N, C-alpha and C. Protein backbone atom coordinates (compact mmCIF):
# COMPACT_ATOMS: atom_id res chain seq x y z
N UNK A 1 108.58 57.78 75.88
CA UNK A 1 107.82 58.95 75.55
C UNK A 1 107.25 59.61 76.81
N UNK A 2 106.83 58.79 77.76
CA UNK A 2 106.29 59.33 79.01
C UNK A 2 107.37 60.09 79.78
N UNK A 3 108.60 59.57 79.72
CA UNK A 3 109.70 60.25 80.41
C UNK A 3 109.92 61.64 79.84
N UNK A 4 109.86 61.78 78.56
CA UNK A 4 110.05 63.08 77.92
C UNK A 4 108.97 64.06 78.39
N UNK A 5 107.71 63.60 78.41
CA UNK A 5 106.63 64.46 78.87
C UNK A 5 106.77 64.78 80.35
N UNK A 6 107.21 63.83 81.15
CA UNK A 6 107.39 64.08 82.58
C UNK A 6 108.50 65.10 82.81
N UNK A 7 109.61 64.98 82.08
CA UNK A 7 110.71 65.92 82.21
C UNK A 7 110.27 67.31 81.74
N UNK A 8 109.55 67.36 80.63
CA UNK A 8 109.06 68.63 80.11
C UNK A 8 108.10 69.29 81.10
N UNK A 9 107.21 68.52 81.68
CA UNK A 9 106.26 69.06 82.66
C UNK A 9 106.99 69.57 83.90
N UNK A 10 107.98 68.82 84.37
CA UNK A 10 108.75 69.26 85.54
C UNK A 10 109.50 70.54 85.24
N UNK A 11 110.06 70.64 84.04
CA UNK A 11 110.77 71.86 83.65
C UNK A 11 109.82 73.05 83.59
N UNK A 12 108.64 72.84 83.06
CA UNK A 12 107.65 73.93 82.97
C UNK A 12 107.21 74.39 84.37
N UNK A 13 107.00 73.45 85.26
CA UNK A 13 106.62 73.80 86.63
C UNK A 13 107.73 74.58 87.31
N UNK A 14 108.97 74.10 87.17
CA UNK A 14 110.10 74.80 87.77
C UNK A 14 110.25 76.20 87.21
N UNK A 15 110.07 76.35 85.91
CA UNK A 15 110.20 77.66 85.29
C UNK A 15 109.08 78.60 85.75
N UNK A 16 107.86 78.09 85.85
CA UNK A 16 106.76 78.94 86.29
C UNK A 16 106.93 79.37 87.74
N UNK A 17 107.45 78.48 88.58
CA UNK A 17 107.73 78.86 89.97
C UNK A 17 108.82 79.92 90.03
N UNK A 18 109.84 79.78 89.23
CA UNK A 18 110.92 80.77 89.20
C UNK A 18 110.40 82.12 88.76
N UNK A 19 109.59 82.15 87.74
CA UNK A 19 109.03 83.41 87.25
C UNK A 19 108.11 84.01 88.30
N UNK A 20 107.30 83.20 88.95
CA UNK A 20 106.39 83.69 89.97
C UNK A 20 107.14 84.28 91.15
N UNK A 21 108.19 83.61 91.58
CA UNK A 21 108.94 84.07 92.74
C UNK A 21 109.73 85.33 92.43
N UNK A 22 110.29 85.44 91.24
CA UNK A 22 111.12 86.59 90.90
C UNK A 22 110.34 87.73 90.27
N UNK A 23 109.05 87.60 90.12
CA UNK A 23 108.23 88.66 89.53
C UNK A 23 108.23 89.86 90.48
N UNK A 24 108.13 91.08 89.97
CA UNK A 24 108.12 92.25 90.85
C UNK A 24 107.03 92.16 91.89
N UNK A 25 107.28 92.74 93.05
CA UNK A 25 106.33 92.66 94.15
C UNK A 25 105.04 93.41 93.85
N UNK A 26 105.06 94.26 92.85
CA UNK A 26 103.87 95.01 92.51
C UNK A 26 102.70 94.08 92.17
N UNK A 27 102.99 92.87 91.80
CA UNK A 27 101.94 91.93 91.42
C UNK A 27 100.96 91.68 92.55
N UNK A 28 101.40 91.74 93.80
CA UNK A 28 100.52 91.48 94.92
C UNK A 28 99.88 92.73 95.50
N UNK A 29 100.24 93.89 94.99
CA UNK A 29 99.73 95.14 95.53
C UNK A 29 98.47 95.53 94.79
N UNK A 30 97.41 95.77 95.54
CA UNK A 30 96.16 96.18 94.92
C UNK A 30 96.12 97.70 94.75
N UNK A 31 96.54 98.44 95.78
CA UNK A 31 96.51 99.89 95.72
C UNK A 31 97.69 100.46 96.48
N UNK A 32 98.04 101.67 96.13
CA UNK A 32 99.06 102.42 96.84
C UNK A 32 98.35 103.47 97.68
N UNK A 33 98.98 103.90 98.77
CA UNK A 33 98.40 104.92 99.62
C UNK A 33 99.25 106.18 99.52
N UNK A 34 98.60 107.32 99.39
CA UNK A 34 99.29 108.60 99.42
C UNK A 34 98.81 109.37 100.64
N UNK A 35 99.74 109.94 101.39
CA UNK A 35 99.42 110.74 102.56
C UNK A 35 100.11 112.09 102.43
N UNK A 36 99.46 113.13 102.93
CA UNK A 36 100.02 114.47 102.86
C UNK A 36 99.61 115.24 104.10
N UNK A 37 100.33 116.32 104.37
CA UNK A 37 100.06 117.17 105.53
C UNK A 37 99.15 118.31 105.09
N UNK A 38 98.08 118.54 105.84
CA UNK A 38 97.16 119.63 105.55
C UNK A 38 97.66 120.89 106.26
N UNK A 39 97.13 122.07 105.91
CA UNK A 39 97.58 123.31 106.56
C UNK A 39 97.35 123.32 108.07
N UNK A 40 96.36 122.59 108.53
CA UNK A 40 96.09 122.56 109.97
C UNK A 40 97.08 121.66 110.73
N UNK A 41 97.95 120.97 109.99
CA UNK A 41 98.94 120.12 110.64
C UNK A 41 98.49 118.69 110.81
N UNK A 42 97.33 118.36 110.31
CA UNK A 42 96.80 117.00 110.39
C UNK A 42 97.09 116.29 109.08
N UNK A 43 97.46 115.04 109.17
CA UNK A 43 97.72 114.26 107.95
C UNK A 43 96.42 113.77 107.33
N UNK A 44 96.43 113.66 106.02
CA UNK A 44 95.29 113.14 105.28
C UNK A 44 95.81 112.09 104.31
N UNK A 45 95.04 111.06 104.06
CA UNK A 45 95.48 109.97 103.17
C UNK A 45 94.38 109.59 102.20
N UNK A 46 94.79 109.00 101.09
CA UNK A 46 93.85 108.49 100.10
C UNK A 46 94.51 107.32 99.38
N UNK A 47 93.69 106.50 98.73
CA UNK A 47 94.19 105.35 97.98
C UNK A 47 94.41 105.74 96.54
N UNK A 48 95.56 105.36 96.00
CA UNK A 48 95.84 105.52 94.58
C UNK A 48 95.58 104.18 93.90
N UNK A 49 95.10 104.19 92.67
CA UNK A 49 94.92 102.91 91.98
C UNK A 49 96.26 102.27 91.66
N UNK A 50 96.25 100.99 91.44
CA UNK A 50 97.49 100.24 91.18
C UNK A 50 98.20 100.75 89.94
N UNK A 51 97.48 101.19 88.95
CA UNK A 51 98.09 101.60 87.69
C UNK A 51 98.33 103.11 87.60
N UNK A 52 98.42 103.81 88.73
CA UNK A 52 98.66 105.25 88.69
C UNK A 52 100.04 105.54 88.09
N UNK A 53 100.20 106.77 87.60
CA UNK A 53 101.49 107.19 87.05
C UNK A 53 101.75 108.64 87.41
N UNK A 54 102.85 108.89 88.10
CA UNK A 54 103.28 110.24 88.42
C UNK A 54 104.68 110.40 87.85
N UNK A 55 104.86 111.26 86.85
CA UNK A 55 106.15 111.34 86.16
C UNK A 55 107.31 111.81 87.05
N UNK A 56 107.04 112.47 88.14
CA UNK A 56 108.10 112.99 88.99
C UNK A 56 108.47 112.06 90.14
N UNK A 57 107.73 110.98 90.36
CA UNK A 57 107.99 110.09 91.49
C UNK A 57 107.99 108.64 91.04
N UNK A 58 109.03 107.92 91.41
CA UNK A 58 109.09 106.49 91.13
C UNK A 58 108.08 105.77 92.01
N UNK A 59 107.59 104.64 91.54
CA UNK A 59 106.65 103.86 92.36
C UNK A 59 107.41 103.17 93.49
N UNK A 60 106.86 103.24 94.70
CA UNK A 60 107.48 102.50 95.80
C UNK A 60 107.22 101.01 95.62
N UNK A 61 108.08 100.18 96.16
CA UNK A 61 107.88 98.75 96.03
C UNK A 61 108.44 98.01 97.24
N UNK A 62 107.92 96.82 97.45
CA UNK A 62 108.42 95.88 98.44
C UNK A 62 108.72 94.60 97.68
N UNK A 63 109.78 93.90 98.08
CA UNK A 63 110.13 92.68 97.35
C UNK A 63 109.32 91.49 97.85
N UNK A 64 109.56 90.35 97.27
CA UNK A 64 108.76 89.15 97.57
C UNK A 64 108.90 88.72 99.03
N UNK A 65 109.96 89.14 99.70
CA UNK A 65 110.15 88.78 101.12
C UNK A 65 109.60 89.86 102.04
N UNK A 66 108.78 90.75 101.52
CA UNK A 66 108.15 91.83 102.27
C UNK A 66 109.16 92.83 102.82
N UNK A 67 110.35 92.90 102.19
CA UNK A 67 111.31 93.94 102.56
C UNK A 67 111.01 95.14 101.68
N UNK A 68 110.91 96.28 102.31
CA UNK A 68 110.58 97.50 101.56
C UNK A 68 111.81 98.39 101.47
N UNK A 69 112.63 98.16 100.46
CA UNK A 69 113.81 99.00 100.27
C UNK A 69 113.39 100.40 99.86
N UNK A 70 112.42 100.47 98.99
CA UNK A 70 111.83 101.75 98.60
C UNK A 70 110.34 101.65 98.83
N UNK A 71 109.95 101.34 100.04
CA UNK A 71 108.54 101.14 100.35
C UNK A 71 107.75 102.43 100.42
N UNK A 72 108.45 103.56 100.33
CA UNK A 72 107.75 104.86 100.31
C UNK A 72 108.57 105.86 99.50
N UNK A 73 107.86 106.77 98.90
CA UNK A 73 108.46 107.82 98.09
C UNK A 73 107.89 109.14 98.57
N UNK A 74 108.78 110.07 98.93
CA UNK A 74 108.38 111.36 99.47
C UNK A 74 108.71 112.46 98.47
N UNK A 75 107.83 113.45 98.34
CA UNK A 75 108.06 114.57 97.43
C UNK A 75 107.29 115.79 97.91
N UNK A 76 107.67 116.95 97.41
CA UNK A 76 107.00 118.20 97.74
C UNK A 76 105.85 118.43 96.76
N UNK A 77 104.78 118.98 97.28
CA UNK A 77 103.63 119.29 96.43
C UNK A 77 103.82 120.66 95.77
N UNK A 78 103.44 120.76 94.52
CA UNK A 78 103.42 122.01 93.78
C UNK A 78 102.05 122.14 93.13
N UNK A 79 101.76 123.29 92.58
CA UNK A 79 100.46 123.48 91.90
C UNK A 79 100.30 122.45 90.78
N UNK A 80 101.35 122.26 90.00
CA UNK A 80 101.29 121.33 88.88
C UNK A 80 101.09 119.88 89.36
N UNK A 81 101.80 119.50 90.40
CA UNK A 81 101.65 118.13 90.92
C UNK A 81 100.27 117.90 91.51
N UNK A 82 99.75 118.90 92.20
CA UNK A 82 98.40 118.77 92.76
C UNK A 82 97.38 118.62 91.63
N UNK A 83 97.54 119.40 90.58
CA UNK A 83 96.63 119.29 89.44
C UNK A 83 96.71 117.90 88.81
N UNK A 84 97.90 117.34 88.73
CA UNK A 84 98.07 116.00 88.17
C UNK A 84 97.46 114.94 89.09
N UNK A 85 97.66 115.09 90.40
CA UNK A 85 97.10 114.13 91.36
C UNK A 85 95.58 114.15 91.37
N UNK A 86 94.98 115.24 90.92
CA UNK A 86 93.53 115.37 90.88
C UNK A 86 92.89 114.27 90.03
N UNK A 87 93.65 113.69 89.13
CA UNK A 87 93.13 112.57 88.32
C UNK A 87 92.80 111.36 89.17
N UNK A 88 93.48 111.23 90.30
CA UNK A 88 93.38 110.00 91.10
C UNK A 88 92.71 110.19 92.46
N UNK A 89 92.90 111.34 93.10
CA UNK A 89 92.38 111.53 94.46
C UNK A 89 91.79 112.93 94.62
N UNK A 90 91.05 113.13 95.70
CA UNK A 90 90.52 114.45 96.04
C UNK A 90 91.67 115.29 96.58
N UNK A 91 91.97 116.38 95.94
CA UNK A 91 93.12 117.21 96.31
C UNK A 91 92.72 118.50 97.02
N UNK A 92 91.49 118.58 97.49
CA UNK A 92 91.01 119.82 98.10
C UNK A 92 91.80 120.22 99.36
N UNK A 93 92.41 119.28 100.04
CA UNK A 93 93.18 119.62 101.24
C UNK A 93 94.69 119.64 100.99
N UNK A 94 95.10 119.56 99.72
CA UNK A 94 96.53 119.63 99.39
C UNK A 94 96.92 121.07 99.08
N UNK A 95 98.10 121.47 99.53
CA UNK A 95 98.60 122.81 99.28
C UNK A 95 100.06 122.75 98.87
N UNK A 96 100.47 123.66 97.98
CA UNK A 96 101.88 123.69 97.55
C UNK A 96 102.82 123.89 98.74
N UNK A 97 104.01 123.42 98.61
CA UNK A 97 105.12 123.44 99.58
C UNK A 97 104.97 122.39 100.67
N UNK A 98 103.82 121.76 100.78
CA UNK A 98 103.67 120.68 101.76
C UNK A 98 104.25 119.40 101.15
N UNK A 99 104.51 118.42 101.97
CA UNK A 99 105.06 117.16 101.47
C UNK A 99 103.98 116.10 101.39
N UNK A 100 104.21 115.16 100.49
CA UNK A 100 103.33 114.00 100.34
C UNK A 100 104.22 112.76 100.27
N UNK A 101 103.67 111.66 100.72
CA UNK A 101 104.40 110.40 100.70
C UNK A 101 103.50 109.31 100.14
N UNK A 102 104.05 108.53 99.21
CA UNK A 102 103.32 107.40 98.64
C UNK A 102 103.89 106.13 99.26
N UNK A 103 103.02 105.27 99.77
CA UNK A 103 103.41 104.04 100.42
C UNK A 103 102.99 102.83 99.59
N UNK A 104 103.85 101.83 99.56
CA UNK A 104 103.51 100.57 98.93
C UNK A 104 103.00 99.65 100.03
N UNK A 105 101.71 99.34 100.03
CA UNK A 105 101.17 98.49 101.09
C UNK A 105 101.65 97.05 100.94
N UNK A 106 101.72 96.35 102.04
CA UNK A 106 102.07 94.94 102.01
C UNK A 106 100.98 94.13 101.37
N UNK A 107 101.26 92.88 101.14
CA UNK A 107 100.29 92.02 100.45
C UNK A 107 99.13 91.69 101.32
């Protein structure tokens, strides 16, 4: 009976390690950073919450080995996008036609 419990416990540990290792890298990310160019030519940045959602941009990610295949997502700002971003950050220095980039920070 002890052998059965030992084998079951070992299997559970192995499975939990596999799930932990293969889980999306987003699990270790606390916040995302968004940076954009202001009209004066100076960059400005702000932190986005981990659970942000922008329908026009996929979330950037880094894998468990800290490789960032899509570690940043770049897009053009429009009036509608700026209004949507207002939910998460101060958009007073954002202007349409400028670009913004969202970065997935390392762990």
